[in-house]
Amino acid sequence: MQCILTIAGSDSGGGAGIEADLKTFAALGMHGACAITSVTAQNTCGVERVYDLPEDVIVDQIRAVTSDIRVDYAKIGMLSSERIVRTVAEEIEGISFVLDPVMSAEAGGSLLAEDALDALVSELIPLASAVTPNVYEASAITGIRIRSIEDAGRAAAAITTLGCRAAVITGGHLDGTDVLCESSDGGIESPRLIRGSGGLIEGGTHGAGCTYSAALASYLAKGLSVSDACTAAKVFVEEAIANSSGIGRGVAPVNQTRGVTRDAARYRAIADVSAAVKAIEGSQSFASLIPEVGCNIGSAIPAAQSVGDVVAVR
């Protein structure tokens, strides 16, 4: 089993941060390890308090993992201070990683000190395999005001020139379209559009950015190209948003495990119907119970949404 290390903050509400990352890794069949940078008092309504762990504690966590477990990829999220950014940059050397430049919580509240942005740009972006800012984060990094897909393309290209392998501007604040720009031996490639369902998904979005970047790291670890990994991560997070958990009074958290539980429920439904058919075929008296109009046998999974969630025989 491959191991993905998340270096990020903890969300006490369980919707974002390392909690979202670890659920994503598990849903995608990866072993998740973590190094917590900050502990937040947070829920679906916002961030109430942030406590940064001492740098030596962050270092000890990273080294405890890497000294024992082979880390195939890493995802870096909330790094709230300049000192934490520089500490992580020193420790991550030699490990491919996706950088999610977290600046604020989806539910509200700042998660990045002013002095940390410059360090993020100079120390971590040049080392990243991919950087995954939203529109506002990309604007803060580049100074480009993003109001259109074209603006997002210019921002993605500008971030890529900072030295990272790729930058993808996530489109949740535009029309749902992500914009990817990659670097190559020939320079910076033209921006490409990454579309999932073709529009904005209705549902809770707390933890969506964390989930996307964690999924991207997982798919890159599996060997997918950057473009294919971005597409797969987008599909994953769209499903997580569409099946978001209706908890709390604020922005509902995404649901990373719906795909896993749905597939398991489909298997159980098939097994149940197969067992019923076998029992009927072996019965000497069941035929007398079937009305003249016939009989259908079927089973639906919990919270079925389409005919694809139903198994039946005639």
Protein backbone atom coordinates (compact mmCIF):
# COMPACT_ATOMS: atom_id res chain seq x y z
CA MET A 1 0.00 0.00 0.00
CA GLN A 2 1.26 3.45 -0.89
CA CYS A 3 1.65 6.10 1.80
CA ILE A 4 0.68 9.75 1.47
CA LEU A 5 1.84 12.20 4.13
CA THR A 6 -0.30 15.24 4.86
CA ILE A 7 1.35 18.21 6.54
CA ALA A 8 -1.46 20.53 7.53
CA GLY A 9 -3.70 21.87 10.26
CA SER A 10 -6.32 19.98 12.22
CA ASP A 11 -10.02 20.89 12.03
CA SER A 12 -11.85 20.07 15.27
CA GLY A 13 -15.11 19.93 13.32
CA GLY A 14 -13.74 17.12 11.15
CA GLY A 15 -14.61 18.77 7.86
CA ALA A 16 -11.31 20.08 6.52
CA GLY A 17 -7.58 19.90 7.22
CA ILE A 18 -5.88 16.63 8.01
CA GLU A 19 -9.22 15.06 8.85
CA ALA A 20 -10.41 15.61 5.28
CA ASP A 21 -7.06 14.49 3.90
CA LEU A 22 -6.96 11.21 5.80
CA LYS A 23 -10.53 10.34 4.79
CA THR A 24 -9.62 11.05 1.17
CA PHE A 25 -6.51 8.89 1.29
CA ALA A 26 -8.46 6.00 2.81
CA ALA A 27 -11.26 6.29 0.25
CA LEU A 28 -8.68 6.08 -2.54
CA GLY A 29 -6.90 3.06 -1.09
CA MET A 30 -3.87 4.87 0.31
CA HIS A 31 -2.29 4.76 3.76
CA GLY A 32 -2.46 8.23 5.26
CA ALA A 33 0.15 9.63 7.63
CA CYS A 34 0.10 13.12 9.08
CA ALA A 35 2.16 15.88 10.62
CA ILE A 36 -0.04 18.48 12.30
CA THR A 37 1.12 22.09 11.93
CA SER A 38 -1.70 23.86 13.76
CA VAL A 39 -4.67 22.92 15.88
CA THR A 40 -7.82 24.90 15.12
CA ALA A 41 -10.97 25.35 17.16
CA GLN A 42 -13.26 25.17 14.15
CA ASN A 43 -16.72 24.07 13.10
CA THR A 44 -19.03 24.50 10.12
CA CYS A 45 -19.58 28.16 11.03
CA GLY A 46 -15.96 29.28 11.14
CA VAL A 47 -12.58 29.27 12.86
CA GLU A 48 -12.64 30.39 16.48
CA ARG A 49 -9.00 29.93 17.45
CA VAL A 50 -5.69 28.74 15.97
CA TYR A 51 -2.81 27.26 17.94
CA ASP A 52 0.43 26.72 16.01
CA LEU A 53 2.51 23.78 17.11
CA PRO A 54 6.17 24.49 17.88
CA GLU A 55 8.42 23.97 14.87
CA ASP A 56 10.42 21.23 16.58
CA VAL A 57 7.21 19.26 17.17
CA ILE A 58 6.32 19.56 13.48
CA VAL A 59 9.80 18.39 12.53
CA ASP A 60 9.59 15.45 14.94
CA GLN A 61 6.30 14.33 13.39
CA ILE A 62 7.65 14.45 9.84
CA ARG A 63 10.85 12.64 10.77
CA ALA A 64 8.98 10.01 12.80
CA VAL A 65 6.99 9.13 9.69
CA THR A 66 9.75 9.31 7.10
CA SER A 67 12.28 7.39 9.22
CA ASP A 68 9.98 4.37 9.34
CA ILE A 69 7.56 4.54 6.41
CA ARG A 70 8.30 5.11 2.74
CA VAL A 71 6.35 8.20 1.76
CA ASP A 72 5.27 8.01 -1.87
CA TYR A 73 3.82 11.50 -2.00
CA ALA A 74 2.91 14.36 0.29
CA LYS A 75 0.19 16.97 0.47
CA ILE A 76 0.92 20.25 2.20
CA GLY A 77 -1.95 22.35 3.46
CA MET A 78 -2.27 24.92 6.23
CA LEU A 79 1.06 26.51 7.18
CA SER A 80 0.02 29.55 9.15
CA SER A 81 3.34 31.33 9.78
CA GLU A 82 6.57 32.13 8.00
CA ARG A 83 8.54 30.01 10.46
CA ILE A 84 6.35 26.97 9.83
CA VAL A 85 6.62 27.45 6.05
CA ARG A 86 10.41 27.54 6.18
CA THR A 87 10.55 24.59 8.58
CA VAL A 88 8.41 22.41 6.32
CA ALA A 89 10.36 23.48 3.22
CA GLU A 90 13.55 22.20 4.83
CA GLU A 91 12.01 18.89 5.89
CA ILE A 92 10.14 18.07 2.67
CA GLU A 93 13.26 17.94 0.50
CA GLY A 94 13.30 14.84 -1.69
CA ILE A 95 9.56 14.14 -1.43
CA SER A 96 7.18 15.01 -4.26
CA PHE A 97 4.21 16.99 -2.98
CA VAL A 98 1.05 18.86 -3.84
CA LEU A 99 0.78 22.30 -2.25
CA ASP A 100 -2.63 23.63 -1.27
CA PRO A 101 -1.89 27.25 -0.28
CA VAL A 102 -4.61 27.49 2.36
CA MET A 103 -5.33 31.08 3.35
CA SER A 104 -8.80 30.92 4.87
CA ALA A 105 -11.38 28.37 5.94
CA GLU A 106 -14.36 27.64 3.71
CA ALA A 107 -16.58 28.32 6.70
CA GLY A 108 -14.80 31.61 7.43
CA GLY A 109 -11.63 32.67 9.24
CA SER A 110 -8.03 33.46 8.26
CA LEU A 111 -5.51 30.61 8.39
CA LEU A 112 -2.40 32.34 6.99
CA ALA A 113 -0.39 35.12 8.60
CA GLU A 114 0.67 38.00 6.36
CA ASP A 115 4.36 37.20 6.70
CA ALA A 116 3.84 33.62 5.54
CA LEU A 117 2.76 34.35 1.96
CA ASP A 118 6.16 35.56 0.76
CA ALA A 119 7.83 32.50 2.28
CA LEU A 120 5.24 30.24 0.65
CA VAL A 121 6.00 31.77 -2.75
CA SER A 122 9.78 31.69 -2.40
CA GLU A 123 10.33 28.49 -0.42
CA LEU A 124 7.59 25.97 -1.26
CA ILE A 125 5.99 26.76 -4.61
CA PRO A 126 9.29 26.21 -6.50
CA LEU A 127 9.54 22.70 -5.00
CA ALA A 128 5.94 21.60 -5.61
CA SER A 129 4.78 19.08 -8.18
CA ALA A 130 1.45 20.90 -8.27
CA VAL A 131 -0.06 23.94 -6.60
CA THR A 132 -3.85 24.06 -6.15
CA PRO A 133 -5.05 27.56 -5.21
CA ASN A 134 -8.62 28.74 -5.51
CA VAL A 135 -9.35 32.03 -7.24
CA TYR A 136 -8.66 34.19 -4.18
CA GLU A 137 -5.47 32.36 -3.24
CA ALA A 138 -4.19 32.59 -6.82
CA SER A 139 -4.89 36.32 -6.84
CA ALA A 140 -2.97 36.76 -3.59
CA ILE A 141 0.00 34.83 -4.97
CA THR A 142 0.16 36.54 -8.37
CA GLY A 143 -1.48 39.91 -7.92
CA ILE A 144 -3.79 39.09 -10.85
CA ARG A 145 -7.44 39.90 -10.32
CA ILE A 146 -9.33 36.82 -11.50
CA ARG A 147 -12.80 37.41 -12.89
CA SER A 148 -12.81 35.01 -15.84
CA ILE A 149 -11.38 31.75 -17.15
CA GLU A 150 -8.84 33.78 -19.12
CA ASP A 151 -7.68 35.54 -15.96
CA ALA A 152 -7.36 32.17 -14.24
CA GLY A 153 -5.21 30.92 -17.12
CA ARG A 154 -2.87 33.88 -16.76
CA ALA A 155 -2.63 33.31 -13.02
CA ALA A 156 -1.93 29.59 -13.45
CA ALA A 157 0.86 30.40 -15.91
CA ALA A 158 2.30 33.00 -13.55
CA ILE A 159 2.38 30.52 -10.67
CA THR A 160 4.02 27.90 -12.87
CA THR A 161 6.81 30.35 -13.73
CA LEU A 162 7.69 30.38 -10.02
CA GLY A 163 9.15 26.90 -10.49
CA CYS A 164 6.45 24.36 -9.75
CA ARG A 165 5.67 21.56 -12.18
CA ALA A 166 2.02 22.55 -12.52
CA ALA A 167 -0.59 24.93 -11.16
CA VAL A 168 -4.32 24.32 -11.24
CA ILE A 169 -6.72 27.11 -10.33
CA THR A 170 -9.77 25.39 -8.89
CA GLY A 171 -12.98 26.77 -10.33
CA GLY A 172 -15.43 26.66 -7.47
CA HIS A 173 -15.55 30.47 -7.41
CA LEU A 174 -15.97 30.75 -11.20
CA ASP A 175 -18.20 28.39 -13.18
CA GLY A 176 -16.86 25.11 -11.86
CA THR A 177 -14.11 24.85 -14.48
CA ASP A 178 -10.53 24.30 -13.27
CA VAL A 179 -7.62 25.79 -15.20
CA LEU A 180 -4.37 23.81 -15.42
CA CYS A 181 -0.98 25.05 -16.57
CA GLU A 182 2.08 22.80 -16.73
CA SER A 183 5.75 23.42 -17.25
CA SER A 184 7.78 21.38 -19.71
CA ASP A 185 11.24 21.31 -21.22
CA GLY A 186 9.97 23.75 -23.82
CA GLY A 187 8.70 26.22 -21.22
CA ILE A 188 5.23 26.95 -19.90
CA GLU A 189 2.45 25.17 -21.76
CA SER A 190 -0.83 26.83 -22.70
CA PRO A 191 -3.51 26.61 -19.99
CA ARG A 192 -6.00 23.76 -20.28
CA LEU A 193 -9.51 23.53 -18.94
CA ILE A 194 -10.46 20.69 -16.59
CA ARG A 195 -14.19 20.07 -16.54
CA GLY A 196 -16.01 17.51 -14.46
CA SER A 197 -19.78 17.55 -14.55
CA GLY A 198 -19.73 20.77 -16.55
CA GLY A 199 -20.91 23.18 -13.88
CA LEU A 200 -21.09 23.99 -10.20
CA ILE A 201 -22.17 21.14 -7.94
CA GLU A 202 -24.85 21.76 -5.35
CA GLY A 203 -23.86 20.72 -1.85
CA GLY A 204 -21.68 21.62 1.11
CA THR A 205 -18.13 22.67 0.30
CA HIS A 206 -16.40 22.68 3.69
CA GLY A 207 -13.17 20.77 3.10
CA ALA A 208 -13.51 20.72 -0.69
CA GLY A 209 -10.11 22.31 -1.33
CA CYS A 210 -8.35 19.99 1.11
CA THR A 211 -10.10 16.99 -0.41
CA TYR A 212 -9.19 17.99 -3.96
CA SER A 213 -5.49 18.45 -3.22
CA ALA A 214 -5.36 15.22 -1.20
CA ALA A 215 -7.03 13.34 -4.05
CA LEU A 216 -4.63 14.91 -6.55
CA ALA A 217 -1.64 13.76 -4.48
CA SER A 218 -3.12 10.26 -4.33
CA TYR A 219 -3.68 10.03 -8.07
CA LEU A 220 -0.21 11.39 -8.83
CA ALA A 221 1.23 8.75 -6.48
CA LYS A 222 -0.68 6.13 -8.48
CA GLY A 223 1.22 7.24 -11.58
CA LEU A 224 -1.41 9.27 -13.44
CA SER A 225 -0.31 12.20 -15.57
CA VAL A 226 -0.91 15.64 -14.09
CA SER A 227 -3.84 16.27 -16.44
CA ASP A 228 -5.47 12.89 -15.78
CA ALA A 229 -4.86 13.22 -12.03
CA CYS A 230 -6.49 16.67 -12.01
CA THR A 231 -9.52 15.29 -13.84
CA ALA A 232 -9.82 12.30 -11.50
CA ALA A 233 -9.45 14.52 -8.43
CA LYS A 234 -12.14 16.85 -9.74
CA VAL A 235 -14.58 13.98 -10.28
CA PHE A 236 -13.81 12.73 -6.76
CA VAL A 237 -14.39 16.08 -5.06
CA GLU A 238 -17.55 16.75 -7.08
CA GLU A 239 -19.03 13.50 -5.79
CA ALA A 240 -17.92 14.41 -2.27
CA ILE A 241 -19.68 17.78 -2.56
CA ALA A 242 -22.84 16.29 -4.06
CA ASN A 243 -23.04 13.86 -1.13
CA SER A 244 -22.01 16.35 1.54
CA SER A 245 -22.96 15.62 5.13
CA GLY A 246 -25.86 17.69 6.40
CA ILE A 247 -24.34 18.43 9.79
CA GLY A 248 -23.83 21.67 11.65
CA ARG A 249 -25.42 25.09 11.20
CA GLY A 250 -22.91 26.42 8.69
CA VAL A 251 -21.17 25.17 5.55
CA ALA A 252 -21.68 21.40 5.40
CA PRO A 253 -18.58 19.20 5.07
CA VAL A 254 -17.99 17.18 1.93
CA ASN A 255 -18.36 13.40 2.11
CA GLN A 256 -15.28 11.61 0.83
CA THR A 257 -16.49 8.10 1.58
CA ARG A 258 -19.80 8.10 -0.30
CA GLY A 259 -18.27 6.39 -3.33
CA VAL A 260 -16.84 3.60 -1.19
CA THR A 261 -20.02 3.01 0.80
CA ARG A 262 -22.16 3.23 -2.35
CA ASP A 263 -20.11 0.59 -4.15
CA ALA A 264 -20.24 -1.65 -1.08
CA ALA A 265 -24.01 -1.18 -0.86
CA ARG A 266 -24.37 -2.04 -4.55
CA TYR A 267 -22.45 -5.26 -4.00
CA ARG A 268 -24.67 -6.15 -1.04
CA ALA A 269 -27.80 -5.39 -3.08
CA ILE A 270 -26.62 -7.69 -5.88
CA ALA A 271 -25.82 -10.40 -3.34
CA ASP A 272 -29.24 -10.02 -1.69
CA VAL A 273 -31.12 -10.27 -4.98
CA SER A 274 -29.00 -13.21 -6.12
CA ALA A 275 -29.75 -15.01 -2.86
CA ALA A 276 -33.46 -14.30 -3.25
CA VAL A 277 -33.48 -15.64 -6.82
CA LYS A 278 -31.65 -18.77 -5.72
CA ALA A 279 -34.12 -19.33 -2.88
CA ILE A 280 -37.10 -18.87 -5.19
CA GLU A 281 -35.69 -21.20 -7.82
CA GLY A 282 -35.21 -23.85 -5.15
CA SER A 283 -38.72 -23.45 -3.76
CA GLN A 284 -41.49 -25.88 -4.68
CA SER A 285 -44.31 -23.61 -3.54
CA PHE A 286 -43.27 -20.03 -4.34
CA ALA A 287 -44.66 -20.14 -7.90
CA SER A 288 -48.19 -20.42 -6.52
CA LEU A 289 -47.72 -17.08 -4.77
CA ILE A 290 -46.89 -15.16 -7.96
CA PRO A 291 -49.87 -13.22 -9.40
CA GLU A 292 -50.84 -13.52 -13.05
CA VAL A 293 -49.30 -10.13 -13.85
CA GLY A 294 -45.92 -11.49 -12.84
CA CYS A 295 -43.37 -10.68 -10.18
CA ASN A 296 -40.30 -8.47 -10.00
CA ILE A 297 -37.56 -8.84 -7.43
CA GLY A 298 -35.40 -5.84 -6.69
CA SER A 299 -33.30 -4.05 -4.11
CA ALA A 300 -32.05 -0.47 -3.86
CA ILE A 301 -29.08 0.83 -1.94
CA PRO A 302 -29.62 3.32 0.91
CA ALA A 303 -30.18 6.87 -0.38
CA ALA A 304 -30.53 5.63 -3.96
CA GLN A 305 -30.26 8.44 -6.51
CA SER A 306 -30.70 6.76 -9.90
CA VAL A 307 -31.54 3.47 -11.62
CA GLY A 308 -27.85 2.68 -11.29
CA ASP A 309 -28.47 2.26 -7.57
CA VAL A 310 -31.12 -0.43 -8.08
CA VAL A 311 -30.68 -4.12 -8.95
CA ALA A 312 -33.69 -6.13 -10.12
CA VAL A 313 -34.77 -9.20 -12.07
CA ARG A 314 -38.04 -9.99 -13.83
